Amino acid sequence: MSGYADFFQKMVRVISAPYNEHLSGRELSDLGLSRADLAMLRSGAPQARERIVAMAEQFGLTEADLNAHSGLGLELAEKCVHCLQAETCRDAIRAGAALPQTKCPNADIYRVLAQG
């Protein structure tokens, strides 16, 4: 599995774990998360990975491009899960429509990555 996809698969497992399940410090540190980061990510909109990949594609990036920069995964996720446009993105993905690039909090990251 690719770095970015693997990161998000692990992230989804940790974020989706029941609140009463004890997550080890090692599990969190492997993802570069603190307990405060975990609480923040759990409180946001679901399906961030789907939105991140779809938006990256709007900037001409592939999942392989994101995998090459897997260290950005947490930053992309933090911004995406609390984005005020998450529902707009979700609806656009479902409809197969263009996503709102100008409103994306990760747009600057995607632009830099697209420039190579």
PDB file of N, CA and C in Angstrom:
ATOM      1  N   MET A   1       0.849  -1.167   0.000  1.00  0.00           N
ATOM      2  CA  MET A   1       0.000   0.000   0.000  1.00  0.00           C
ATOM      3  C   MET A   1       0.900   1.237   0.000  1.00  0.00           C
ATOM      4  N   SER A   2       0.467   2.285  -0.663  1.00  0.00           N
ATOM      5  CA  SER A   2       1.250   3.501  -0.782  1.00  0.00           C
ATOM      6  C   SER A   2       1.305   4.250   0.552  1.00  0.00           C
ATOM      7  N   GLY A   3       2.289   5.129   0.679  1.00  0.00           N
ATOM      8  CA  GLY A   3       2.485   5.859   1.923  1.00  0.00           C
ATOM      9  C   GLY A   3       1.287   6.683   2.348  1.00  0.00           C
ATOM     10  N   TYR A   4       0.740   7.447   1.413  1.00  0.00           N
ATOM     11  CA  TYR A   4      -0.391   8.312   1.737  1.00  0.00           C
ATOM     12  C   TYR A   4      -1.630   7.488   2.061  1.00  0.00           C
ATOM     13  N   ALA A   5      -1.912   6.492   1.244  1.00  0.00           N
ATOM     14  CA  ALA A   5      -3.081   5.641   1.480  1.00  0.00           C
ATOM     15  C   ALA A   5      -2.917   4.871   2.787  1.00  0.00           C
ATOM     16  N   ASP A   6      -1.712   4.383   3.058  1.00  0.00           N
ATOM     17  CA  ASP A   6      -1.444   3.654   4.296  1.00  0.00           C
ATOM     18  C   ASP A   6      -1.629   4.578   5.500  1.00  0.00           C
ATOM     19  N   PHE A   7      -1.119   5.806   5.387  1.00  0.00           N
ATOM     20  CA  PHE A   7      -1.274   6.782   6.459  1.00  0.00           C
ATOM     21  C   PHE A   7      -2.753   6.998   6.754  1.00  0.00           C
ATOM     22  N   PHE A   8      -3.540   7.219   5.703  1.00  0.00           N
ATOM     23  CA  PHE A   8      -4.952   7.496   5.924  1.00  0.00           C
ATOM     24  C   PHE A   8      -5.715   6.273   6.410  1.00  0.00           C
ATOM     25  N   GLN A   9      -5.322   5.094   5.979  1.00  0.00           N
ATOM     26  CA  GLN A   9      -5.979   3.882   6.482  1.00  0.00           C
ATOM     27  C   GLN A   9      -5.733   3.755   7.988  1.00  0.00           C
ATOM     28  N   LYS A  10      -4.509   3.987   8.420  1.00  0.00           N
ATOM     29  CA  LYS A  10      -4.195   3.943   9.853  1.00  0.00           C
ATOM     30  C   LYS A  10      -4.921   5.061  10.594  1.00  0.00           C
ATOM     31  N   MET A  11      -4.946   6.239   9.966  1.00  0.00           N
ATOM     32  CA  MET A  11      -5.612   7.385  10.585  1.00  0.00           C
ATOM     33  C   MET A  11      -7.101   7.101  10.777  1.00  0.00           C
ATOM     34  N   VAL A  12      -7.743   6.545   9.773  1.00  0.00           N
ATOM     35  CA  VAL A  12      -9.173   6.229   9.874  1.00  0.00           C
ATOM     36  C   VAL A  12      -9.413   5.239  10.999  1.00  0.00           C
ATOM     37  N   ARG A  13      -8.554   4.222  11.125  1.00  0.00           N
ATOM     38  CA  ARG A  13      -8.723   3.248  12.194  1.00  0.00           C
ATOM     39  C   ARG A  13      -8.618   3.911  13.565  1.00  0.00           C
ATOM     40  N   VAL A  14      -7.638   4.775  13.733  1.00  0.00           N
ATOM     41  CA  VAL A  14      -7.437   5.434  15.017  1.00  0.00           C
ATOM     42  C   VAL A  14      -8.584   6.402  15.313  1.00  0.00           C
ATOM     43  N   ILE A  15      -8.954   7.208  14.318  1.00  0.00           N
ATOM     44  CA  ILE A  15     -10.009   8.198  14.526  1.00  0.00           C
ATOM     45  C   ILE A  15     -11.355   7.533  14.748  1.00  0.00           C
ATOM     46  N   SER A  16     -11.580   6.399  14.071  1.00  0.00           N
ATOM     47  CA  SER A  16     -12.866   5.711  14.162  1.00  0.00           C
ATOM     48  C   SER A  16     -12.983   4.793  15.371  1.00  0.00           C
ATOM     49  N   ALA A  17     -11.898   4.603  16.085  1.00  0.00           N
ATOM     50  CA  ALA A  17     -11.933   3.723  17.260  1.00  0.00           C
ATOM     51  C   ALA A  17     -12.943   4.274  18.264  1.00  0.00           C
ATOM     52  N   PRO A  18     -13.656   3.392  18.932  1.00  0.00           N
ATOM     53  CA  PRO A  18     -14.608   3.863  19.955  1.00  0.00           C
ATOM     54  C   PRO A  18     -13.894   4.742  20.976  1.00  0.00           C
ATOM     55  N   TYR A  19     -14.594   5.764  21.448  1.00  0.00           N
ATOM     56  CA  TYR A  19     -13.992   6.709  22.395  1.00  0.00           C
ATOM     57  C   TYR A  19     -13.501   6.029  23.661  1.00  0.00           C
ATOM     58  N   ASN A  20     -14.120   4.925  24.043  1.00  0.00           N
ATOM     59  CA  ASN A  20     -13.691   4.253  25.270  1.00  0.00           C
ATOM     60  C   ASN A  20     -12.539   3.278  25.025  1.00  0.00           C
ATOM     61  N   GLU A  21     -12.130   3.083  23.773  1.00  0.00           N
ATOM     62  CA  GLU A  21     -10.992   2.208  23.463  1.00  0.00           C
ATOM     63  C   GLU A  21      -9.708   2.971  23.741  1.00  0.00           C
ATOM     64  N   HIS A  22      -8.829   2.346  24.522  1.00  0.00           N
ATOM     65  CA  HIS A  22      -7.557   2.997  24.830  1.00  0.00           C
ATOM     66  C   HIS A  22      -6.628   2.855  23.630  1.00  0.00           C
ATOM     67  N   LEU A  23      -6.165   3.973  23.145  1.00  0.00           N
ATOM     68  CA  LEU A  23      -5.194   3.968  22.061  1.00  0.00           C
ATOM     69  C   LEU A  23      -3.823   4.248  22.658  1.00  0.00           C
ATOM     70  N   SER A  24      -2.866   3.438  22.306  1.00  0.00           N
ATOM     71  CA  SER A  24      -1.539   3.591  22.892  1.00  0.00           C
ATOM     72  C   SER A  24      -0.862   4.843  22.352  1.00  0.00           C
ATOM     73  N   GLY A  25       0.039   5.333  23.151  1.00  0.00           N
ATOM     74  CA  GLY A  25       0.838   6.467  22.726  1.00  0.00           C
ATOM     75  C   GLY A  25       1.632   6.145  21.475  1.00  0.00           C
ATOM     76  N   ARG A  26       2.043   4.893  21.350  1.00  0.00           N
ATOM     77  CA  ARG A  26       2.810   4.481  20.157  1.00  0.00           C
ATOM     78  C   ARG A  26       1.948   4.554  18.904  1.00  0.00           C
ATOM     79  N   GLU A  27       0.684   4.080  19.001  1.00  0.00           N
ATOM     80  CA  GLU A  27      -0.207   4.167  17.843  1.00  0.00           C
ATOM     81  C   GLU A  27      -0.348   5.613  17.384  1.00  0.00           C
ATOM     82  N   LEU A  28      -0.503   6.502  18.343  1.00  0.00           N
ATOM     83  CA  LEU A  28      -0.658   7.909  18.009  1.00  0.00           C
ATOM     84  C   LEU A  28       0.641   8.500  17.482  1.00  0.00           C
ATOM     85  N   SER A  29       1.753   8.196  18.130  1.00  0.00           N
ATOM     86  CA  SER A  29       3.023   8.777  17.699  1.00  0.00           C
ATOM     87  C   SER A  29       3.443   8.259  16.322  1.00  0.00           C
ATOM     88  N   ASP A  30       3.066   7.033  15.980  1.00  0.00           N
ATOM     89  CA  ASP A  30       3.360   6.501  14.647  1.00  0.00           C
ATOM     90  C   ASP A  30       2.720   7.360  13.559  1.00  0.00           C
ATOM     91  N   LEU A  31       1.629   8.032  13.911  1.00  0.00           N
ATOM     92  CA  LEU A  31       0.933   8.910  12.969  1.00  0.00           C
ATOM     93  C   LEU A  31       1.269  10.375  13.196  1.00  0.00           C
ATOM     94  N   GLY A  32       2.150  10.628  14.162  1.00  0.00           N
ATOM     95  CA  GLY A  32       2.512  12.000  14.473  1.00  0.00           C
ATOM     96  C   GLY A  32       1.412  12.758  15.185  1.00  0.00           C
ATOM     97  N   LEU A  33       0.572  12.019  15.929  1.00  0.00           N
ATOM     98  CA  LEU A  33      -0.568  12.623  16.611  1.00  0.00           C
ATOM     99  C   LEU A  33      -0.354  12.710  18.110  1.00  0.00           C
ATOM    100  N   SER A  34      -0.838  13.775  18.677  1.00  0.00           N
ATOM    101  CA  SER A  34      -0.946  13.871  20.128  1.00  0.00           C
ATOM    102  C   SER A  34      -2.386  13.520  20.479  1.00  0.00           C
ATOM    103  N   ARG A  35      -2.690  13.390  21.740  1.00  0.00           N
ATOM    104  CA  ARG A  35      -4.087  13.132  22.143  1.00  0.00           C
ATOM    105  C   ARG A  35      -4.972  14.332  21.763  1.00  0.00           C
ATOM    106  N   ALA A  36      -4.418  15.530  21.814  1.00  0.00           N
ATOM    107  CA  ALA A  36      -5.175  16.728  21.408  1.00  0.00           C
ATOM    108  C   ALA A  36      -5.464  16.690  19.900  1.00  0.00           C
ATOM    109  N   ASP A  37      -4.469  16.242  19.096  1.00  0.00           N
ATOM    110  CA  ASP A  37      -4.689  16.103  17.649  1.00  0.00           C
ATOM    111  C   ASP A  37      -5.812  15.112  17.381  1.00  0.00           C
ATOM    112  N   LEU A  38      -5.798  14.005  18.101  1.00  0.00           N
ATOM    113  CA  LEU A  38      -6.820  12.975  17.922  1.00  0.00           C
ATOM    114  C   LEU A  38      -8.206  13.539  18.217  1.00  0.00           C
ATOM    115  N   ALA A  39      -8.328  14.269  19.306  1.00  0.00           N
ATOM    116  CA  ALA A  39      -9.621  14.857  19.662  1.00  0.00           C
ATOM    117  C   ALA A  39     -10.087  15.819  18.576  1.00  0.00           C
ATOM    118  N   MET A  40      -9.173  16.603  18.038  1.00  0.00           N
ATOM    119  CA  MET A  40      -9.512  17.558  16.992  1.00  0.00           C
ATOM    120  C   MET A  40      -9.968  16.834  15.728  1.00  0.00           C
ATOM    121  N   LEU A  41      -9.246  15.794  15.328  1.00  0.00           N
ATOM    122  CA  LEU A  41      -9.609  15.066  14.112  1.00  0.00           C
ATOM    123  C   LEU A  41     -10.932  14.318  14.272  1.00  0.00           C
ATOM    124  N   ARG A  42     -11.175  13.790  15.450  1.00  0.00           N
ATOM    125  CA  ARG A  42     -12.436  13.074  15.691  1.00  0.00           C
ATOM    126  C   ARG A  42     -13.641  14.006  15.644  1.00  0.00           C
ATOM    127  N   SER A  43     -13.430  15.274  15.894  1.00  0.00           N
ATOM    128  CA  SER A  43     -14.547  16.202  15.950  1.00  0.00           C
ATOM    129  C   SER A  43     -14.916  16.773  14.579  1.00  0.00           C
ATOM    130  N   GLY A  44     -14.166  16.430  13.545  1.00  0.00           N
ATOM    131  CA  GLY A  44     -14.399  17.009  12.221  1.00  0.00           C
ATOM    132  C   GLY A  44     -15.263  16.161  11.316  1.00  0.00           C
ATOM    133  N   ALA A  45     -15.446  16.664  10.098  1.00  0.00           N
ATOM    134  CA  ALA A  45     -16.271  15.992   9.084  1.00  0.00           C
ATOM    135  C   ALA A  45     -15.586  14.713   8.604  1.00  0.00           C
ATOM    136  N   PRO A  46     -16.360  13.627   8.431  1.00  0.00           N
ATOM    137  CA  PRO A  46     -15.781  12.361   7.959  1.00  0.00           C
ATOM    138  C   PRO A  46     -15.457  12.395   6.466  1.00  0.00           C
ATOM    139  N   GLN A  47     -14.804  11.353   5.976  1.00  0.00           N
ATOM    140  CA  GLN A  47     -14.417  11.164   4.578  1.00  0.00           C
ATOM    141  C   GLN A  47     -13.409  12.203   4.087  1.00  0.00           C
ATOM    142  N   ALA A  48     -12.520  12.646   4.959  1.00  0.00           N
ATOM    143  CA  ALA A  48     -11.523  13.638   4.556  1.00  0.00           C
ATOM    144  C   ALA A  48     -10.630  13.107   3.445  1.00  0.00           C
ATOM    145  N   ARG A  49     -10.225  11.865   3.527  1.00  0.00           N
ATOM    146  CA  ARG A  49      -9.318  11.324   2.508  1.00  0.00           C
ATOM    147  C   ARG A  49      -9.945  11.421   1.124  1.00  0.00           C
ATOM    148  N   GLU A  50     -11.204  11.054   1.016  1.00  0.00           N
ATOM    149  CA  GLU A  50     -11.892  11.126  -0.283  1.00  0.00           C
ATOM    150  C   GLU A  50     -11.879  12.560  -0.809  1.00  0.00           C
ATOM    151  N   ARG A  51     -12.148  13.523   0.060  1.00  0.00           N
ATOM    152  CA  ARG A  51     -12.152  14.920  -0.358  1.00  0.00           C
ATOM    153  C   ARG A  51     -10.748  15.400  -0.716  1.00  0.00           C
ATOM    154  N   ILE A  52      -9.750  14.987   0.046  1.00  0.00           N
ATOM    155  CA  ILE A  52      -8.369  15.405  -0.219  1.00  0.00           C
ATOM    156  C   ILE A  52      -7.908  14.897  -1.579  1.00  0.00           C
ATOM    157  N   VAL A  53      -8.146  13.641  -1.856  1.00  0.00           N
ATOM    158  CA  VAL A  53      -7.727  13.071  -3.147  1.00  0.00           C
ATOM    159  C   VAL A  53      -8.485  13.735  -4.294  1.00  0.00           C
ATOM    160  N   ALA A  54      -9.791  13.910  -4.125  1.00  0.00           N
ATOM    161  CA  ALA A  54     -10.597  14.537  -5.180  1.00  0.00           C
ATOM    162  C   ALA A  54     -10.152  15.977  -5.436  1.00  0.00           C
ATOM    163  N   MET A  55      -9.878  16.725  -4.385  1.00  0.00           N
ATOM    164  CA  MET A  55      -9.446  18.108  -4.567  1.00  0.00           C
ATOM    165  C   MET A  55      -8.059  18.158  -5.190  1.00  0.00           C
ATOM    166  N   ALA A  56      -7.174  17.271  -4.772  1.00  0.00           N
ATOM    167  CA  ALA A  56      -5.837  17.224  -5.362  1.00  0.00           C
ATOM    168  C   ALA A  56      -5.937  17.009  -6.870  1.00  0.00           C
ATOM    169  N   GLU A  57      -6.857  16.156  -7.282  1.00  0.00           N
ATOM    170  CA  GLU A  57      -7.070  15.902  -8.714  1.00  0.00           C
ATOM    171  C   GLU A  57      -7.492  17.177  -9.439  1.00  0.00           C
ATOM    172  N   GLN A  58      -8.229  18.051  -8.768  1.00  0.00           N
ATOM    173  CA  GLN A  58      -8.640  19.331  -9.371  1.00  0.00           C
ATOM    174  C   GLN A  58      -7.423  20.208  -9.686  1.00  0.00           C
ATOM    175  N   PHE A  59      -6.336  19.983  -8.988  1.00  0.00           N
ATOM    176  CA  PHE A  59      -5.111  20.738  -9.206  1.00  0.00           C
ATOM    177  C   PHE A  59      -4.130  19.969 -10.091  1.00  0.00           C
ATOM    178  N   GLY A  60      -4.597  18.865 -10.684  1.00  0.00           N
ATOM    179  CA  GLY A  60      -3.759  18.085 -11.581  1.00  0.00           C
ATOM    180  C   GLY A  60      -2.842  17.103 -10.885  1.00  0.00           C
ATOM    181  N   LEU A  61      -3.082  16.860  -9.606  1.00  0.00           N
ATOM    182  CA  LEU A  61      -2.259  15.930  -8.831  1.00  0.00           C
ATOM    183  C   LEU A  61      -2.917  14.554  -8.796  1.00  0.00           C
ATOM    184  N   THR A  62      -2.107  13.548  -8.637  1.00  0.00           N
ATOM    185  CA  THR A  62      -2.603  12.182  -8.499  1.00  0.00           C
ATOM    186  C   THR A  62      -2.393  11.720  -7.067  1.00  0.00           C
ATOM    187  N   GLU A  63      -2.964  10.585  -6.756  1.00  0.00           N
ATOM    188  CA  GLU A  63      -2.726  10.022  -5.425  1.00  0.00           C
ATOM    189  C   GLU A  63      -1.245   9.690  -5.258  1.00  0.00           C
ATOM    190  N   ALA A  64      -0.578   9.320  -6.346  1.00  0.00           N
ATOM    191  CA  ALA A  64       0.863   9.050  -6.290  1.00  0.00           C
ATOM    192  C   ALA A  64       1.639  10.314  -5.913  1.00  0.00           C
ATOM    193  N   ASP A  65       1.190  11.466  -6.420  1.00  0.00           N
ATOM    194  CA  ASP A  65       1.834  12.736  -6.041  1.00  0.00           C
ATOM    195  C   ASP A  65       1.693  12.970  -4.539  1.00  0.00           C
ATOM    196  N   LEU A  66       0.501  12.707  -4.009  1.00  0.00           N
ATOM    197  CA  LEU A  66       0.283  12.864  -2.569  1.00  0.00           C
ATOM    198  C   LEU A  66       1.130  11.856  -1.797  1.00  0.00           C
ATOM    199  N   ASN A  67       1.236  10.633  -2.304  1.00  0.00           N
ATOM    200  CA  ASN A  67       2.039   9.609  -1.641  1.00  0.00           C
ATOM    201  C   ASN A  67       3.501  10.018  -1.550  1.00  0.00           C
ATOM    202  N   ALA A  68       3.971  10.746  -2.558  1.00  0.00           N
ATOM    203  CA  ALA A  68       5.366  11.192  -2.565  1.00  0.00           C
ATOM    204  C   ALA A  68       5.622  12.238  -1.484  1.00  0.00           C
ATOM    205  N   HIS A  69       4.552  12.806  -0.951  1.00  0.00           N
ATOM    206  CA  HIS A  69       4.663  13.823   0.099  1.00  0.00           C
ATOM    207  C   HIS A  69       3.789  13.426   1.288  1.00  0.00           C
ATOM    208  N   SER A  70       3.917  12.188   1.708  1.00  0.00           N
ATOM    209  CA  SER A  70       3.038  11.662   2.763  1.00  0.00           C
ATOM    210  C   SER A  70       3.179  12.418   4.083  1.00  0.00           C
ATOM    211  N   GLY A  71       4.279  13.117   4.274  1.00  0.00           N
ATOM    212  CA  GLY A  71       4.461  13.911   5.490  1.00  0.00           C
ATOM    213  C   GLY A  71       3.451  15.050   5.606  1.00  0.00           C
ATOM    214  N   LEU A  72       2.812  15.384   4.498  1.00  0.00           N
ATOM    215  CA  LEU A  72       1.793  16.440   4.519  1.00  0.00           C
ATOM    216  C   LEU A  72       0.418  15.906   4.917  1.00  0.00           C
ATOM    217  N   GLY A  73       0.302  14.595   5.079  1.00  0.00           N
ATOM    218  CA  GLY A  73      -0.994  13.973   5.355  1.00  0.00           C
ATOM    219  C   GLY A  73      -1.729  14.563   6.542  1.00  0.00           C
ATOM    220  N   LEU A  74      -1.038  14.762   7.646  1.00  0.00           N
ATOM    221  CA  LEU A  74      -1.700  15.291   8.845  1.00  0.00           C
ATOM    222  C   LEU A  74      -2.146  16.726   8.621  1.00  0.00           C
ATOM    223  N   GLU A  75      -1.297  17.536   8.002  1.00  0.00           N
ATOM    224  CA  GLU A  75      -1.668  18.930   7.747  1.00  0.00           C
ATOM    225  C   GLU A  75      -2.892  19.010   6.835  1.00  0.00           C
ATOM    226  N   LEU A  76      -2.897  18.209   5.760  1.00  0.00           N
ATOM    227  CA  LEU A  76      -4.053  18.184   4.856  1.00  0.00           C
ATOM    228  C   LEU A  76      -5.305  17.740   5.599  1.00  0.00           C
ATOM    229  N   ALA A  77      -5.167  16.694   6.408  1.00  0.00           N
ATOM    230  CA  ALA A  77      -6.315  16.154   7.138  1.00  0.00           C
ATOM    231  C   ALA A  77      -6.858  17.147   8.155  1.00  0.00           C
ATOM    232  N   GLU A  78      -5.959  17.796   8.907  1.00  0.00           N
ATOM    233  CA  GLU A  78      -6.406  18.754   9.923  1.00  0.00           C
ATOM    234  C   GLU A  78      -7.242  19.870   9.305  1.00  0.00           C
ATOM    235  N   LYS A  79      -6.770  20.370   8.171  1.00  0.00           N
ATOM    236  CA  LYS A  79      -7.509  21.453   7.508  1.00  0.00           C
ATOM    237  C   LYS A  79      -8.811  20.937   6.908  1.00  0.00           C
ATOM    238  N   CYS A  80      -8.771  19.762   6.317  1.00  0.00           N
ATOM    239  CA  CYS A  80      -9.937  19.233   5.616  1.00  0.00           C
ATOM    240  C   CYS A  80     -11.072  18.845   6.567  1.00  0.00           C
ATOM    241  N   VAL A  81     -10.749  18.224   7.682  1.00  0.00           N
ATOM    242  CA  VAL A  81     -11.818  17.755   8.567  1.00  0.00           C
ATOM    243  C   VAL A  81     -12.601  18.896   9.192  1.00  0.00           C
ATOM    244  N   HIS A  82     -12.013  20.069   9.279  1.00  0.00           N
ATOM    245  CA  HIS A  82     -12.712  21.207   9.866  1.00  0.00           C
ATOM    246  C   HIS A  82     -13.042  22.301   8.854  1.00  0.00           C
ATOM    247  N   CYS A  83     -12.938  21.962   7.584  1.00  0.00           N
ATOM    248  CA  CYS A  83     -13.243  22.922   6.532  1.00  0.00           C
ATOM    249  C   CYS A  83     -14.743  23.222   6.514  1.00  0.00           C
ATOM    250  N   LEU A  84     -15.071  24.483   6.388  1.00  0.00           N
ATOM    251  CA  LEU A  84     -16.479  24.886   6.336  1.00  0.00           C
ATOM    252  C   LEU A  84     -17.133  24.500   5.010  1.00  0.00           C
ATOM    253  N   GLN A  85     -16.338  24.073   4.045  1.00  0.00           N
ATOM    254  CA  GLN A  85     -16.862  23.668   2.737  1.00  0.00           C
ATOM    255  C   GLN A  85     -16.939  22.141   2.582  1.00  0.00           C
ATOM    256  N   ALA A  86     -16.751  21.389   3.674  1.00  0.00           N
ATOM    257  CA  ALA A  86     -16.728  19.921   3.583  1.00  0.00           C
ATOM    258  C   ALA A  86     -17.997  19.365   2.931  1.00  0.00           C
ATOM    259  N   GLU A  87     -19.146  19.901   3.293  1.00  0.00           N
ATOM    260  CA  GLU A  87     -20.389  19.413   2.697  1.00  0.00           C
ATOM    261  C   GLU A  87     -20.466  19.771   1.223  1.00  0.00           C
ATOM    262  N   THR A  88     -19.991  20.948   0.859  1.00  0.00           N
ATOM    263  CA  THR A  88     -19.974  21.357  -0.546  1.00  0.00           C
ATOM    264  C   THR A  88     -19.104  20.408  -1.348  1.00  0.00           C
ATOM    265  N   CYS A  89     -17.933  20.075  -0.816  1.00  0.00           N
ATOM    266  CA  CYS A  89     -17.039  19.126  -1.489  1.00  0.00           C
ATOM    267  C   CYS A  89     -17.688  17.749  -1.600  1.00  0.00           C
ATOM    268  N   ARG A  90     -18.260  17.290  -0.508  1.00  0.00           N
ATOM    269  CA  ARG A  90     -18.910  15.978  -0.516  1.00  0.00           C
ATOM    270  C   ARG A  90     -19.996  15.921  -1.582  1.00  0.00           C
ATOM    271  N   ASP A  91     -20.828  16.952  -1.644  1.00  0.00           N
ATOM    272  CA  ASP A  91     -21.913  16.986  -2.619  1.00  0.00           C
ATOM    273  C   ASP A  91     -21.378  17.041  -4.046  1.00  0.00           C
ATOM    274  N   ALA A  92     -20.293  17.804  -4.261  1.00  0.00           N
ATOM    275  CA  ALA A  92     -19.697  17.891  -5.596  1.00  0.00           C
ATOM    276  C   ALA A  92     -19.111  16.540  -6.014  1.00  0.00           C
ATOM    277  N   ILE A  93     -18.471  15.850  -5.079  1.00  0.00           N
ATOM    278  CA  ILE A  93     -17.914  14.527  -5.386  1.00  0.00           C
ATOM    279  C   ILE A  93     -19.034  13.571  -5.778  1.00  0.00           C
ATOM    280  N   ARG A  94     -20.101  13.568  -5.010  1.00  0.00           N
ATOM    281  CA  ARG A  94     -21.237  12.694  -5.303  1.00  0.00           C
ATOM    282  C   ARG A  94     -21.860  12.997  -6.662  1.00  0.00           C
ATOM    283  N   ALA A  95     -21.882  14.286  -7.032  1.00  0.00           N
ATOM    284  CA  ALA A  95     -22.500  14.704  -8.289  1.00  0.00           C
ATOM    285  C   ALA A  95     -21.521  14.632  -9.466  1.00  0.00           C
ATOM    286  N   GLY A  96     -20.250  14.380  -9.177  1.00  0.00           N
ATOM    287  CA  GLY A  96     -19.246  14.359 -10.233  1.00  0.00           C
ATOM    288  C   GLY A  96     -18.944  15.757 -10.762  1.00  0.00           C
ATOM    289  N   ALA A  97     -19.178  16.763  -9.939  1.00  0.00           N
ATOM    290  CA  ALA A  97     -18.972  18.159 -10.340  1.00  0.00           C
ATOM    291  C   ALA A  97     -17.604  18.658  -9.878  1.00  0.00           C
ATOM    292  N   ALA A  98     -17.206  19.820 -10.405  1.00  0.00           N
ATOM    293  CA  ALA A  98     -15.950  20.444  -9.990  1.00  0.00           C
ATOM    294  C   ALA A  98     -16.044  20.857  -8.521  1.00  0.00           C
ATOM    295  N   LEU A  99     -14.950  20.732  -7.816  1.00  0.00           N
ATOM    296  CA  LEU A  99     -14.894  21.109  -6.410  1.00  0.00           C
ATOM    297  C   LEU A  99     -14.501  22.581  -6.281  1.00  0.00           C
ATOM    298  N   PRO A 100     -14.876  23.232  -5.187  1.00  0.00           N
ATOM    299  CA  PRO A 100     -14.628  24.668  -5.005  1.00  0.00           C
ATOM    300  C   PRO A 100     -13.179  24.989  -4.627  1.00  0.00           C
ATOM    301  N   GLN A 101     -12.281  25.013  -5.632  1.00  0.00           N
ATOM    302  CA  GLN A 101     -10.853  25.242  -5.376  1.00  0.00           C
ATOM    303  C   GLN A 101     -10.581  26.525  -4.604  1.00  0.00           C
ATOM    304  N   THR A 102     -11.308  27.558  -4.912  1.00  0.00           N
ATOM    305  CA  THR A 102     -11.025  28.861  -4.291  1.00  0.00           C
ATOM    306  C   THR A 102     -11.366  28.886  -2.811  1.00  0.00           C
ATOM    307  N   LYS A 103     -12.155  27.936  -2.357  1.00  0.00           N
ATOM    308  CA  LYS A 103     -12.558  27.900  -0.955  1.00  0.00           C
ATOM    309  C   LYS A 103     -11.822  26.831  -0.155  1.00  0.00           C
ATOM    310  N   CYS A 104     -10.922  26.103  -0.806  1.00  0.00           N
ATOM    311  CA  CYS A 104     -10.227  24.995  -0.150  1.00  0.00           C
ATOM    312  C   CYS A 104      -9.076  25.505   0.711  1.00  0.00           C
ATOM    313  N   PRO A 105      -9.051  25.138   1.999  1.00  0.00           N
ATOM    314  CA  PRO A 105      -7.961  25.584   2.872  1.00  0.00           C
ATOM    315  C   PRO A 105      -6.621  24.931   2.527  1.00  0.00           C
ATOM    316  N   ASN A 106      -6.651  23.870   1.721  1.00  0.00           N
ATOM    317  CA  ASN A 106      -5.415  23.199   1.309  1.00  0.00           C
ATOM    318  C   ASN A 106      -4.961  23.623  -0.080  1.00  0.00           C
ATOM    319  N   ALA A 107      -5.642  24.590  -0.686  1.00  0.00           N
ATOM    320  CA  ALA A 107      -5.342  24.987  -2.064  1.00  0.00           C
ATOM    321  C   ALA A 107      -3.882  25.379  -2.256  1.00  0.00           C
ATOM    322  N   ASP A 108      -3.312  26.120  -1.306  1.00  0.00           N
ATOM    323  CA  ASP A 108      -1.919  26.553  -1.455  1.00  0.00           C
ATOM    324  C   ASP A 108      -0.968  25.359  -1.482  1.00  0.00           C
ATOM    325  N   ILE A 109      -1.240  24.363  -0.673  1.00  0.00           N
ATOM    326  CA  ILE A 109      -0.404  23.151  -0.662  1.00  0.00           C
ATOM    327  C   ILE A 109      -0.511  22.450  -2.010  1.00  0.00           C
ATOM    328  N   TYR A 110      -1.734  22.293  -2.513  1.00  0.00           N
ATOM    329  CA  TYR A 110      -1.907  21.638  -3.813  1.00  0.00           C
ATOM    330  C   TYR A 110      -1.203  22.409  -4.927  1.00  0.00           C
ATOM    331  N   ARG A 111      -1.278  23.741  -4.897  1.00  0.00           N
ATOM    332  CA  ARG A 111      -0.620  24.550  -5.937  1.00  0.00           C
ATOM    333  C   ARG A 111       0.888  24.331  -5.920  1.00  0.00           C
ATOM    334  N   VAL A 112       1.479  24.348  -4.722  1.00  0.00           N
ATOM    335  CA  VAL A 112       2.917  24.142  -4.596  1.00  0.00           C
ATOM    336  C   VAL A 112       3.304  22.746  -5.110  1.00  0.00           C
ATOM    337  N   LEU A 113       2.544  21.742  -4.712  1.00  0.00           N
ATOM    338  CA  LEU A 113       2.843  20.383  -5.177  1.00  0.00           C
ATOM    339  C   LEU A 113       2.693  20.273  -6.689  1.00  0.00           C
ATOM    340  N   ALA A 114       1.710  20.933  -7.255  1.00  0.00           N
ATOM    341  CA  ALA A 114       1.477  20.878  -8.698  1.00  0.00           C
ATOM    342  C   ALA A 114       2.598  21.552  -9.479  1.00  0.00           C
ATOM    343  N   GLN A 115       3.248  22.538  -8.855  1.00  0.00           N
ATOM    344  CA  GLN A 115       4.358  23.219  -9.522  1.00  0.00           C
ATOM    345  C   GLN A 115       5.639  22.395  -9.507  1.00  0.00           C
ATOM    346  N   GLY A 116       5.611  21.330  -8.701  1.00  0.00           N
ATOM    347  CA  GLY A 116       6.733  20.418  -8.648  1.00  0.00           C
ATOM    348  C   GLY A 116       7.828  20.886  -7.795  1.00  0.00           C
TER     349      GLY A 116
END
